[in-house]
Amino acid sequence: MKQLLLLSVAPLLLAAQAAETDVAPQTPADVIAATTADDWRPVAPENLLVMTLQSGEAIYIELAAIFAPVHVTNIRNLARAGWYDGISINRVQDNYVVQWGDASERKPLPETIERDVPAEYEFDMTSSHIGNFETVQEGNYEPYSGYLNGWPVAHSPREDGQRSGTLIHCYGMVGVGRGEDPDTGTGGELYTVIGHAPRHLDRNIALVGRIVEGIEALSSLPRGTGPLGFYEDAEQRVPIATVQLASELPEEEQPRFEVMRTDSDAFRAFVHARANRTGWFVRPAGAVDVCNVNLPIRRMAAD
C-alpha cells in the first residue's frame, strides 16, 4: 500500500512544487529540446539494416549486437549475401506481430551462416550492467524492468545468486522466428511487434533489434486471414526488394540515427516527464510502463 500511495501522490507533489516555484513541469518535448550532443549516441552503420519493400517503402532496424551477437552476425551475413532480397512478409497478426522470411522454406542459406545458434534469450547481468541499468518499473513479469545501453531490459535473480537479464518485447522490437522445437532460428525468419507488448515471449525467443523508423509500413499492412495471421494466398504476401546493412552503402547514402542515452540525466528527466504528463492530462499517472517510455530516436541530417 505504501508504494501505491507514493505513486498516487507523486503528481500532486509535482503540481504543488510547480505552484510554489511558478515554474511549469517539463514536458517530454521540453526535455528533448534541452538535450546536448552528449545525451545521444549514434546508431553504428554496421548495426543498421535498411529493409526496402517492393513498393519502395523503407524500414530501418537497429541490431542489438551486444545482446545477441551470434544471431546479429548471421543477420549481417545474410544481408551481405543478398539472401533476404526477394523474400516476403508472410504473416500479419492483428495486435501481435508482422513476420517475414522465405515462404518456400527451401532457399539455401549462405555458407557464412551459423546453423547451430545458441539460445540468446537472456544474458548475465554483470556489475557494470547493473551500474548502467535505469529502472523504470518494478514487478509485472520481472522484478525490474528498465533500460540498459538504450535497450528495454528486464532482470531477475537466479538460483546461483547472480542476475539474469533479457530484452523486452516492446512495440517495434525485432526477433528471430523459430519452430515448435526449442531451436533458436538462424535469423532467416524475423518478426516485429505491432501491438500490445507480448511480454510472455520474453526469454522464449531471441530478440535482435528494433525498428527505429518506418514501422508504419508494416503495422498498416492487411491482416492475414489464416491461422496466426499468416496469408493464405501467395498473392497476399508482401515482397521485400532488398535488405542491406547501412555500412555497405556509399557513405553519402548511409542513413544516420541517434538514440537518447539511457545512462543520462536527460533520460531520467524524460521518464519523469512521461510519467507525469501535464497540460491535456487531468490526472497524471505518476508512473510509466517500460514499453510506454517511447525512447527518443531521431534521424540526423547527412553531413
C-alpha atoms as a PDB file:
ATOM      1  CA  MET A   1       0.000   0.000   0.000  1.00  0.00           C
ATOM      2  CA  LYS A   2       2.847   2.386   0.724  1.00  0.00           C
ATOM      3  CA  GLN A   3       4.169   2.076  -2.821  1.00  0.00           C
ATOM      4  CA  LEU A   4       0.722   2.695  -4.309  1.00  0.00           C
ATOM      5  CA  LEU A   5       0.248   5.700  -2.047  1.00  0.00           C
ATOM      6  CA  LEU A   6       3.545   7.190  -3.106  1.00  0.00           C
ATOM      7  CA  LEU A   7       2.700   6.733  -6.764  1.00  0.00           C
ATOM      8  CA  SER A   8      -0.709   8.337  -6.321  1.00  0.00           C
ATOM      9  CA  VAL A   9       0.557  11.456  -4.549  1.00  0.00           C
ATOM     10  CA  ALA A  10       3.577  11.991  -6.827  1.00  0.00           C
ATOM     11  CA  PRO A  11       1.602  14.055  -9.410  1.00  0.00           C
ATOM     12  CA  LEU A  12       0.123  16.148  -6.597  1.00  0.00           C
ATOM     13  CA  LEU A  13       3.544  16.832  -5.135  1.00  0.00           C
ATOM     14  CA  LEU A  14       4.808  17.733  -8.590  1.00  0.00           C
ATOM     15  CA  ALA A  15       1.942  20.185  -9.106  1.00  0.00           C
ATOM     16  CA  ALA A  16       2.465  21.715  -5.663  1.00  0.00           C
ATOM     17  CA  GLN A  17       6.186  22.181  -6.275  1.00  0.00           C
ATOM     18  CA  ALA A  18       5.464  23.802  -9.634  1.00  0.00           C
ATOM     19  CA  ALA A  19       2.991  26.183  -7.989  1.00  0.00           C
ATOM     20  CA  GLU A  20       5.487  27.148  -5.300  1.00  0.00           C
ATOM     21  CA  THR A  21       8.235  27.928  -7.784  1.00  0.00           C
ATOM     22  CA  ASP A  22       5.911  29.256 -10.516  1.00  0.00           C
ATOM     23  CA  VAL A  23       7.766  27.008 -12.975  1.00  0.00           C
ATOM     24  CA  ALA A  24       5.740  24.698 -15.195  1.00  0.00           C
ATOM     25  CA  PRO A  25       6.722  20.987 -15.107  1.00  0.00           C
ATOM     26  CA  GLN A  26       8.794  19.829 -18.050  1.00  0.00           C
ATOM     27  CA  THR A  27       7.066  18.051 -20.886  1.00  0.00           C
ATOM     28  CA  PRO A  28       8.786  15.232 -22.798  1.00  0.00           C
ATOM     29  CA  ALA A  29       9.282  17.691 -25.676  1.00  0.00           C
ATOM     30  CA  ASP A  30      10.896  20.179 -23.276  1.00  0.00           C
ATOM     31  CA  VAL A  31      13.386  17.541 -22.142  1.00  0.00           C
ATOM     32  CA  ILE A  32      14.337  16.605 -25.702  1.00  0.00           C
ATOM     33  CA  ALA A  33      14.719  20.269 -26.688  1.00  0.00           C
ATOM     34  CA  ALA A  34      17.134  20.829 -23.778  1.00  0.00           C
ATOM     35  CA  THR A  35      19.422  17.884 -24.590  1.00  0.00           C
ATOM     36  CA  THR A  36      23.018  18.292 -25.725  1.00  0.00           C
ATOM     37  CA  ALA A  37      25.065  16.153 -28.088  1.00  0.00           C
ATOM     38  CA  ASP A  38      26.379  14.174 -25.104  1.00  0.00           C
ATOM     39  CA  ASP A  39      22.844  12.975 -24.333  1.00  0.00           C
ATOM     40  CA  TRP A  40      22.677  10.975 -27.575  1.00  0.00           C
ATOM     41  CA  ARG A  41      24.548   8.030 -29.068  1.00  0.00           C
ATOM     42  CA  PRO A  42      24.778   7.294 -32.790  1.00  0.00           C
ATOM     43  CA  VAL A  43      23.478   4.046 -34.276  1.00  0.00           C
ATOM     44  CA  ALA A  44      26.528   2.338 -35.775  1.00  0.00           C
ATOM     45  CA  PRO A  45      26.194   1.733 -39.549  1.00  0.00           C
ATOM     46  CA  GLU A  46      27.144  -1.941 -39.082  1.00  0.00           C
ATOM     47  CA  ASN A  47      24.162  -2.246 -36.710  1.00  0.00           C
ATOM     48  CA  LEU A  48      21.614  -0.643 -39.033  1.00  0.00           C
ATOM     49  CA  LEU A  49      19.561  -2.669 -41.508  1.00  0.00           C
ATOM     50  CA  VAL A  50      17.712  -0.946 -44.343  1.00  0.00           C
ATOM     51  CA  MET A  51      14.782  -3.100 -45.477  1.00  0.00           C
ATOM     52  CA  THR A  52      13.070  -1.833 -48.624  1.00  0.00           C
ATOM     53  CA  LEU A  53       9.724  -3.233 -49.697  1.00  0.00           C
ATOM     54  CA  GLN A  54       8.926  -3.706 -53.375  1.00  0.00           C
ATOM     55  CA  SER A  55       6.585  -0.725 -53.009  1.00  0.00           C
ATOM     56  CA  GLY A  56       9.623   1.433 -52.209  1.00  0.00           C
ATOM     57  CA  GLU A  57       8.830   1.959 -48.512  1.00  0.00           C
ATOM     58  CA  ALA A  58      11.863   1.615 -46.246  1.00  0.00           C
ATOM     59  CA  ILE A  59      12.125   0.201 -42.726  1.00  0.00           C
ATOM     60  CA  TYR A  60      15.222   0.882 -40.609  1.00  0.00           C
ATOM     61  CA  ILE A  61      16.250  -1.655 -37.958  1.00  0.00           C
ATOM     62  CA  GLU A  62      18.904  -1.182 -35.286  1.00  0.00           C
ATOM     63  CA  LEU A  63      20.565  -4.501 -34.374  1.00  0.00           C
ATOM     64  CA  ALA A  64      21.203  -5.360 -30.717  1.00  0.00           C
ATOM     65  CA  ALA A  65      24.676  -6.777 -31.254  1.00  0.00           C
ATOM     66  CA  ILE A  66      25.671  -6.563 -27.579  1.00  0.00           C
ATOM     67  CA  PHE A  67      22.812  -8.837 -26.508  1.00  0.00           C
ATOM     68  CA  ALA A  68      22.546 -11.319 -29.401  1.00  0.00           C
ATOM     69  CA  PRO A  69      25.979 -11.341 -31.082  1.00  0.00           C
ATOM     70  CA  VAL A  70      25.677 -14.704 -32.873  1.00  0.00           C
ATOM     71  CA  HIS A  71      22.238 -14.007 -34.295  1.00  0.00           C
ATOM     72  CA  VAL A  72      23.274 -10.500 -35.321  1.00  0.00           C
ATOM     73  CA  THR A  73      26.374 -11.859 -37.075  1.00  0.00           C
ATOM     74  CA  ASN A  74      24.112 -14.231 -39.005  1.00  0.00           C
ATOM     75  CA  ILE A  75      21.756 -11.386 -39.932  1.00  0.00           C
ATOM     76  CA  ARG A  76      24.652  -9.245 -41.151  1.00  0.00           C
ATOM     77  CA  ASN A  77      25.968 -12.132 -43.263  1.00  0.00           C
ATOM     78  CA  LEU A  78      22.510 -12.844 -44.695  1.00  0.00           C
ATOM     79  CA  ALA A  79      22.199  -9.188 -45.671  1.00  0.00           C
ATOM     80  CA  ARG A  80      25.698  -9.069 -47.189  1.00  0.00           C
ATOM     81  CA  ALA A  81      24.915 -12.187 -49.239  1.00  0.00           C
ATOM     82  CA  GLY A  82      21.664 -10.675 -50.532  1.00  0.00           C
ATOM     83  CA  TRP A  83      19.769 -13.632 -49.071  1.00  0.00           C
ATOM     84  CA  TYR A  84      16.865 -11.521 -47.828  1.00  0.00           C
ATOM     85  CA  ASP A  85      16.332  -9.932 -51.255  1.00  0.00           C
ATOM     86  CA  GLY A  86      13.163 -11.317 -52.793  1.00  0.00           C
ATOM     87  CA  ILE A  87      11.704 -12.914 -49.659  1.00  0.00           C
ATOM     88  CA  SER A  88       8.325 -11.731 -48.374  1.00  0.00           C
ATOM     89  CA  ILE A  89       6.190 -10.691 -45.458  1.00  0.00           C
ATOM     90  CA  ASN A  90       4.077 -13.770 -44.821  1.00  0.00           C
ATOM     91  CA  ARG A  91       2.245 -13.052 -41.581  1.00  0.00           C
ATOM     92  CA  VAL A  92       0.432 -10.017 -40.188  1.00  0.00           C
ATOM     93  CA  GLN A  93      -1.441 -10.830 -36.989  1.00  0.00           C
ATOM     94  CA  ASP A  94      -3.524  -8.017 -35.518  1.00  0.00           C
ATOM     95  CA  ASN A  95      -2.229  -6.606 -32.215  1.00  0.00           C
ATOM     96  CA  TYR A  96       0.711  -9.022 -32.328  1.00  0.00           C
ATOM     97  CA  VAL A  97       3.416  -9.378 -34.989  1.00  0.00           C
ATOM     98  CA  VAL A  98       4.471  -8.943 -38.604  1.00  0.00           C
ATOM     99  CA  GLN A  99       6.736 -11.790 -39.771  1.00  0.00           C
ATOM    100  CA  TRP A 100       8.919 -12.151 -42.857  1.00  0.00           C
ATOM    101  CA  GLY A 101      11.112 -14.844 -44.384  1.00  0.00           C
ATOM    102  CA  ASP A 102      11.370 -17.367 -47.220  1.00  0.00           C
ATOM    103  CA  ALA A 103       7.814 -18.604 -47.727  1.00  0.00           C
ATOM    104  CA  SER A 104       9.058 -21.648 -49.668  1.00  0.00           C
ATOM    105  CA  GLU A 105      11.400 -22.629 -46.802  1.00  0.00           C
ATOM    106  CA  ARG A 106      13.748 -24.008 -49.475  1.00  0.00           C
ATOM    107  CA  LYS A 107      16.091 -21.087 -50.121  1.00  0.00           C
ATOM    108  CA  PRO A 108      19.602 -22.314 -49.277  1.00  0.00           C
ATOM    109  CA  LEU A 109      21.448 -20.410 -46.587  1.00  0.00           C
ATOM    110  CA  PRO A 110      24.905 -18.970 -47.348  1.00  0.00           C
ATOM    111  CA  GLU A 111      27.945 -20.887 -46.128  1.00  0.00           C
ATOM    112  CA  THR A 112      28.758 -17.997 -43.779  1.00  0.00           C
ATOM    113  CA  ILE A 113      25.693 -18.697 -41.620  1.00  0.00           C
ATOM    114  CA  GLU A 114      25.968 -20.395 -38.244  1.00  0.00           C
ATOM    115  CA  ARG A 115      23.347 -23.165 -38.189  1.00  0.00           C
ATOM    116  CA  ASP A 116      23.719 -24.194 -34.554  1.00  0.00           C
ATOM    117  CA  VAL A 117      22.945 -20.862 -32.919  1.00  0.00           C
ATOM    118  CA  PRO A 118      22.953 -20.603 -29.102  1.00  0.00           C
ATOM    119  CA  ALA A 119      19.793 -19.550 -27.310  1.00  0.00           C
ATOM    120  CA  GLU A 120      20.471 -15.856 -26.868  1.00  0.00           C
ATOM    121  CA  TYR A 121      17.265 -15.369 -24.914  1.00  0.00           C
ATOM    122  CA  GLU A 122      18.967 -13.970 -21.819  1.00  0.00           C
ATOM    123  CA  PHE A 123      22.348 -12.762 -20.605  1.00  0.00           C
ATOM    124  CA  ASP A 124      24.311 -12.394 -17.379  1.00  0.00           C
ATOM    125  CA  MET A 125      23.766  -9.054 -15.662  1.00  0.00           C
ATOM    126  CA  THR A 126      27.287  -8.038 -14.677  1.00  0.00           C
ATOM    127  CA  SER A 127      28.100  -5.363 -12.121  1.00  0.00           C
ATOM    128  CA  SER A 128      28.716  -2.926 -14.979  1.00  0.00           C
ATOM    129  CA  HIS A 129      25.311  -3.775 -16.426  1.00  0.00           C
ATOM    130  CA  ILE A 130      23.656  -3.130 -13.073  1.00  0.00           C
ATOM    131  CA  GLY A 131      25.503   0.168 -12.803  1.00  0.00           C
ATOM    132  CA  ASN A 132      24.208   1.337 -16.178  1.00  0.00           C
ATOM    133  CA  PHE A 133      20.673  -0.011 -15.736  1.00  0.00           C
ATOM    134  CA  GLU A 134      17.925   2.563 -15.261  1.00  0.00           C
ATOM    135  CA  THR A 135      14.868   1.093 -13.545  1.00  0.00           C
ATOM    136  CA  VAL A 136      11.524   2.259 -14.912  1.00  0.00           C
ATOM    137  CA  GLN A 137       9.161  -0.118 -13.112  1.00  0.00           C
ATOM    138  CA  GLU A 138       9.181  -2.968 -10.613  1.00  0.00           C
ATOM    139  CA  GLY A 139       7.124  -6.135 -10.877  1.00  0.00           C
ATOM    140  CA  ASN A 140       4.969  -7.140 -13.883  1.00  0.00           C
ATOM    141  CA  TYR A 141       6.694 -10.211 -15.387  1.00  0.00           C
ATOM    142  CA  GLU A 142      10.124  -9.369 -13.933  1.00  0.00           C
ATOM    143  CA  PRO A 143      11.284  -7.841 -10.639  1.00  0.00           C
ATOM    144  CA  TYR A 144      12.936  -4.959 -12.507  1.00  0.00           C
ATOM    145  CA  SER A 145      12.300  -3.529 -15.963  1.00  0.00           C
ATOM    146  CA  GLY A 146      14.052  -0.527 -17.451  1.00  0.00           C
ATOM    147  CA  TYR A 147      16.753   0.443 -19.932  1.00  0.00           C
ATOM    148  CA  LEU A 148      20.318  -0.728 -20.402  1.00  0.00           C
ATOM    149  CA  ASN A 149      22.566   0.881 -23.004  1.00  0.00           C
ATOM    150  CA  GLY A 150      19.494   2.247 -24.766  1.00  0.00           C
ATOM    151  CA  TRP A 151      17.544  -1.031 -24.866  1.00  0.00           C
ATOM    152  CA  PRO A 152      14.459  -2.163 -22.920  1.00  0.00           C
ATOM    153  CA  VAL A 153      15.696  -4.813 -20.495  1.00  0.00           C
ATOM    154  CA  ALA A 154      14.321  -6.739 -17.520  1.00  0.00           C
ATOM    155  CA  HIS A 155      16.306  -8.670 -14.940  1.00  0.00           C
ATOM    156  CA  SER A 156      15.699 -11.080 -12.079  1.00  0.00           C
ATOM    157  CA  PRO A 157      17.750 -13.145  -9.589  1.00  0.00           C
ATOM    158  CA  ARG A 158      18.907 -16.676 -10.396  1.00  0.00           C
ATOM    159  CA  GLU A 159      19.435 -19.646  -8.105  1.00  0.00           C
ATOM    160  CA  ASP A 160      23.213 -19.172  -8.284  1.00  0.00           C
ATOM    161  CA  GLY A 161      22.898 -15.734  -6.727  1.00  0.00           C
ATOM    162  CA  GLN A 162      23.598 -13.871  -9.964  1.00  0.00           C
ATOM    163  CA  ARG A 163      21.101 -11.887 -12.006  1.00  0.00           C
ATOM    164  CA  SER A 164      19.787 -12.754 -15.454  1.00  0.00           C
ATOM    165  CA  GLY A 165      18.735 -10.111 -17.971  1.00  0.00           C
ATOM    166  CA  THR A 166      16.566 -10.266 -21.061  1.00  0.00           C
ATOM    167  CA  LEU A 167      15.478  -7.891 -23.795  1.00  0.00           C
ATOM    168  CA  ILE A 168      11.793  -6.968 -23.651  1.00  0.00           C
ATOM    169  CA  HIS A 169       9.145  -7.446 -26.344  1.00  0.00           C
ATOM    170  CA  CYS A 170       8.112  -3.788 -26.620  1.00  0.00           C
ATOM    171  CA  TYR A 171       6.372  -2.363 -29.691  1.00  0.00           C
ATOM    172  CA  GLY A 172       8.735  -2.350 -32.670  1.00  0.00           C
ATOM    173  CA  MET A 173      11.227  -4.857 -31.237  1.00  0.00           C
ATOM    174  CA  VAL A 174      12.545  -7.398 -33.762  1.00  0.00           C
ATOM    175  CA  GLY A 175      13.024 -11.082 -33.007  1.00  0.00           C
ATOM    176  CA  VAL A 176      14.017 -14.330 -34.693  1.00  0.00           C
ATOM    177  CA  GLY A 177      11.235 -16.715 -35.685  1.00  0.00           C
ATOM    178  CA  ARG A 178      11.634 -20.322 -34.625  1.00  0.00           C
ATOM    179  CA  GLY A 179       9.729 -23.574 -34.905  1.00  0.00           C
ATOM    180  CA  GLU A 180       7.911 -25.700 -32.326  1.00  0.00           C
ATOM    181  CA  ASP A 181      11.171 -27.247 -31.146  1.00  0.00           C
ATOM    182  CA  PRO A 182      13.237 -25.031 -28.855  1.00  0.00           C
ATOM    183  CA  ASP A 183      15.780 -24.269 -31.569  1.00  0.00           C
ATOM    184  CA  THR A 184      16.745 -20.635 -31.835  1.00  0.00           C
ATOM    185  CA  GLY A 185      16.415 -19.925 -35.553  1.00  0.00           C
ATOM    186  CA  THR A 186      19.208 -18.698 -37.803  1.00  0.00           C
ATOM    187  CA  GLY A 187      17.927 -15.170 -38.447  1.00  0.00           C
ATOM    188  CA  GLY A 188      16.450 -16.106 -41.821  1.00  0.00           C
ATOM    189  CA  GLU A 189      12.968 -15.522 -40.418  1.00  0.00           C
ATOM    190  CA  LEU A 190      12.296 -12.334 -38.463  1.00  0.00           C
ATOM    191  CA  TYR A 191       9.301 -10.616 -36.895  1.00  0.00           C
ATOM    192  CA  THR A 192       8.427  -7.308 -35.245  1.00  0.00           C
ATOM    193  CA  VAL A 193       5.858  -6.482 -32.570  1.00  0.00           C
ATOM    194  CA  ILE A 194       2.950  -4.335 -33.835  1.00  0.00           C
ATOM    195  CA  GLY A 195       0.666  -4.480 -30.817  1.00  0.00           C
ATOM    196  CA  HIS A 196       0.492  -4.502 -27.052  1.00  0.00           C
ATOM    197  CA  ALA A 197       3.818  -5.707 -25.667  1.00  0.00           C
ATOM    198  CA  PRO A 198       3.688  -9.554 -25.586  1.00  0.00           C
ATOM    199  CA  ARG A 199       5.934  -9.846 -22.523  1.00  0.00           C
ATOM    200  CA  HIS A 200       5.108 -13.564 -22.234  1.00  0.00           C
ATOM    201  CA  LEU A 201       7.520 -14.080 -25.150  1.00  0.00           C
ATOM    202  CA  ASP A 202      10.484 -12.696 -23.172  1.00  0.00           C
ATOM    203  CA  ARG A 203      13.150 -15.368 -22.538  1.00  0.00           C
ATOM    204  CA  ASN A 204      11.475 -17.649 -25.113  1.00  0.00           C
ATOM    205  CA  ILE A 205      12.706 -16.097 -28.380  1.00  0.00           C
ATOM    206  CA  ALA A 206      15.876 -14.267 -29.355  1.00  0.00           C
ATOM    207  CA  LEU A 207      15.314 -10.528 -29.723  1.00  0.00           C
ATOM    208  CA  VAL A 208      17.878  -8.998 -32.056  1.00  0.00           C
ATOM    209  CA  GLY A 209      16.900  -5.369 -32.573  1.00  0.00           C
ATOM    210  CA  ARG A 210      14.181  -2.781 -33.009  1.00  0.00           C
ATOM    211  CA  ILE A 211      12.664  -0.676 -35.761  1.00  0.00           C
ATOM    212  CA  VAL A 212      13.848   2.914 -35.472  1.00  0.00           C
ATOM    213  CA  GLU A 213      11.875   4.274 -38.430  1.00  0.00           C
ATOM    214  CA  GLY A 214       9.276   3.032 -40.893  1.00  0.00           C
ATOM    215  CA  ILE A 215       7.195   0.670 -38.770  1.00  0.00           C
ATOM    216  CA  GLU A 216       4.049   2.254 -40.232  1.00  0.00           C
ATOM    217  CA  ALA A 217       4.819   0.454 -43.487  1.00  0.00           C
ATOM    218  CA  LEU A 218       4.421  -2.844 -41.600  1.00  0.00           C
ATOM    219  CA  SER A 219       1.759  -2.085 -38.998  1.00  0.00           C
ATOM    220  CA  SER A 220      -0.646  -0.815 -41.684  1.00  0.00           C
ATOM    221  CA  LEU A 221      -0.499  -3.965 -43.836  1.00  0.00           C
ATOM    222  CA  PRO A 222      -3.678  -6.022 -44.377  1.00  0.00           C
ATOM    223  CA  ARG A 223      -4.120  -8.642 -41.658  1.00  0.00           C
ATOM    224  CA  GLY A 224      -3.652 -12.264 -42.620  1.00  0.00           C
ATOM    225  CA  THR A 225      -6.801 -14.378 -42.603  1.00  0.00           C
ATOM    226  CA  GLY A 226      -5.133 -17.722 -41.965  1.00  0.00           C
ATOM    227  CA  PRO A 227      -4.248 -19.231 -38.583  1.00  0.00           C
ATOM    228  CA  LEU A 228      -1.976 -16.914 -36.526  1.00  0.00           C
ATOM    229  CA  GLY A 229      -2.373 -14.206 -39.149  1.00  0.00           C
ATOM    230  CA  PHE A 230      -0.493 -15.958 -41.973  1.00  0.00           C
ATOM    231  CA  TYR A 231      -1.502 -15.035 -45.510  1.00  0.00           C
ATOM    232  CA  GLU A 232      -3.440 -17.878 -47.099  1.00  0.00           C
ATOM    233  CA  ASP A 233      -2.671 -16.994 -50.729  1.00  0.00           C
ATOM    234  CA  ALA A 234       0.758 -16.317 -52.233  1.00  0.00           C
ATOM    235  CA  GLU A 235      -0.638 -13.166 -53.883  1.00  0.00           C
ATOM    236  CA  GLN A 236      -1.250 -11.648 -50.453  1.00  0.00           C
ATOM    237  CA  ARG A 237       2.392 -11.808 -49.435  1.00  0.00           C
ATOM    238  CA  VAL A 238       4.293  -8.522 -49.471  1.00  0.00           C
ATOM    239  CA  PRO A 239       7.561  -8.765 -51.449  1.00  0.00           C
ATOM    240  CA  ILE A 240      10.765  -7.429 -49.919  1.00  0.00           C
ATOM    241  CA  ALA A 241      13.056  -5.919 -52.541  1.00  0.00           C
ATOM    242  CA  THR A 242      16.291  -5.612 -50.571  1.00  0.00           C
ATOM    243  CA  VAL A 243      17.737  -5.764 -47.073  1.00  0.00           C
ATOM    244  CA  GLN A 244      21.097  -4.022 -46.748  1.00  0.00           C
ATOM    245  CA  LEU A 245      23.466  -3.033 -43.996  1.00  0.00           C
ATOM    246  CA  ALA A 246      23.924   0.724 -43.864  1.00  0.00           C
ATOM    247  CA  SER A 247      27.676   0.132 -43.623  1.00  0.00           C
ATOM    248  CA  GLU A 248      27.587  -1.482 -47.085  1.00  0.00           C
ATOM    249  CA  LEU A 249      26.089   1.626 -48.694  1.00  0.00           C
ATOM    250  CA  PRO A 250      28.184   4.531 -50.017  1.00  0.00           C
ATOM    251  CA  GLU A 251      28.973   6.806 -47.098  1.00  0.00           C
ATOM    252  CA  GLU A 252      26.950   9.694 -48.508  1.00  0.00           C
ATOM    253  CA  GLU A 253      23.891   7.422 -48.747  1.00  0.00           C
ATOM    254  CA  GLN A 254      24.105   5.968 -45.257  1.00  0.00           C
ATOM    255  CA  PRO A 255      21.106   6.932 -43.105  1.00  0.00           C
ATOM    256  CA  ARG A 256      22.070   8.230 -39.663  1.00  0.00           C
ATOM    257  CA  PHE A 257      20.107   7.876 -36.439  1.00  0.00           C
ATOM    258  CA  GLU A 258      20.743   8.783 -32.826  1.00  0.00           C
ATOM    259  CA  VAL A 259      19.248   7.220 -29.691  1.00  0.00           C
ATOM    260  CA  MET A 260      18.908   9.062 -26.398  1.00  0.00           C
ATOM    261  CA  ARG A 261      21.459   7.694 -23.936  1.00  0.00           C
ATOM    262  CA  THR A 262      19.687   5.941 -21.081  1.00  0.00           C
ATOM    263  CA  ASP A 263      22.515   6.437 -18.581  1.00  0.00           C
ATOM    264  CA  SER A 264      21.943  10.202 -18.653  1.00  0.00           C
ATOM    265  CA  ASP A 265      20.121  12.808 -16.589  1.00  0.00           C
ATOM    266  CA  ALA A 266      18.234  13.700 -19.755  1.00  0.00           C
ATOM    267  CA  PHE A 267      16.751  10.194 -19.933  1.00  0.00           C
ATOM    268  CA  ARG A 268      15.781  10.263 -16.258  1.00  0.00           C
ATOM    269  CA  ALA A 269      14.074  13.611 -16.809  1.00  0.00           C
ATOM    270  CA  PHE A 270      12.344  12.238 -19.905  1.00  0.00           C
ATOM    271  CA  VAL A 271      10.979   9.217 -17.996  1.00  0.00           C
ATOM    272  CA  HIS A 272       9.778  11.526 -15.203  1.00  0.00           C
ATOM    273  CA  ALA A 273       8.045  13.749 -17.746  1.00  0.00           C
ATOM    274  CA  ARG A 274       6.400  10.744 -19.425  1.00  0.00           C
ATOM    275  CA  ALA A 275       5.160   9.537 -16.035  1.00  0.00           C
ATOM    276  CA  ASN A 276       3.831  12.958 -15.011  1.00  0.00           C
ATOM    277  CA  ARG A 277       2.132  14.355 -18.098  1.00  0.00           C
ATOM    278  CA  THR A 278       0.556  17.783 -17.772  1.00  0.00           C
ATOM    279  CA  GLY A 279      -1.479  20.086 -19.984  1.00  0.00           C
ATOM    280  CA  TRP A 280      -4.283  17.999 -21.506  1.00  0.00           C
ATOM    281  CA  PHE A 281      -3.963  15.403 -18.722  1.00  0.00           C
ATOM    282  CA  VAL A 282      -6.453  15.894 -15.884  1.00  0.00           C
ATOM    283  CA  ARG A 283      -4.712  13.350 -13.653  1.00  0.00           C
ATOM    284  CA  PRO A 284      -1.080  12.432 -14.412  1.00  0.00           C
ATOM    285  CA  ALA A 285      -0.369   8.739 -13.918  1.00  0.00           C
ATOM    286  CA  GLY A 286       2.698   9.177 -11.714  1.00  0.00           C
ATOM    287  CA  ALA A 287       4.251   6.115 -13.387  1.00  0.00           C
ATOM    288  CA  VAL A 288       5.033   4.782 -16.853  1.00  0.00           C
ATOM    289  CA  ASP A 289       5.231   1.278 -18.265  1.00  0.00           C
ATOM    290  CA  VAL A 290       8.676   0.330 -19.559  1.00  0.00           C
ATOM    291  CA  CYS A 291       7.266  -0.193 -23.058  1.00  0.00           C
ATOM    292  CA  ASN A 292       5.457   3.152 -22.994  1.00  0.00           C
ATOM    293  CA  VAL A 293       8.566   5.226 -22.342  1.00  0.00           C
ATOM    294  CA  ASN A 294       8.893   5.772 -26.111  1.00  0.00           C
ATOM    295  CA  LEU A 295      12.660   6.188 -26.042  1.00  0.00           C
ATOM    296  CA  PRO A 296      13.569   9.160 -28.265  1.00  0.00           C
ATOM    297  CA  ILE A 297      15.262   8.194 -31.539  1.00  0.00           C
ATOM    298  CA  ARG A 298      15.982  10.786 -34.193  1.00  0.00           C
ATOM    299  CA  ARG A 299      17.223  10.807 -37.772  1.00  0.00           C
ATOM    300  CA  MET A 300      20.234  13.021 -38.378  1.00  0.00           C
ATOM    301  CA  ALA A 301      20.846  15.077 -41.486  1.00  0.00           C
ATOM    302  CA  ALA A 302      23.644  13.949 -43.782  1.00  0.00           C
ATOM    303  CA  ASP A 303      26.984  15.672 -43.227  1.00  0.00           C
END
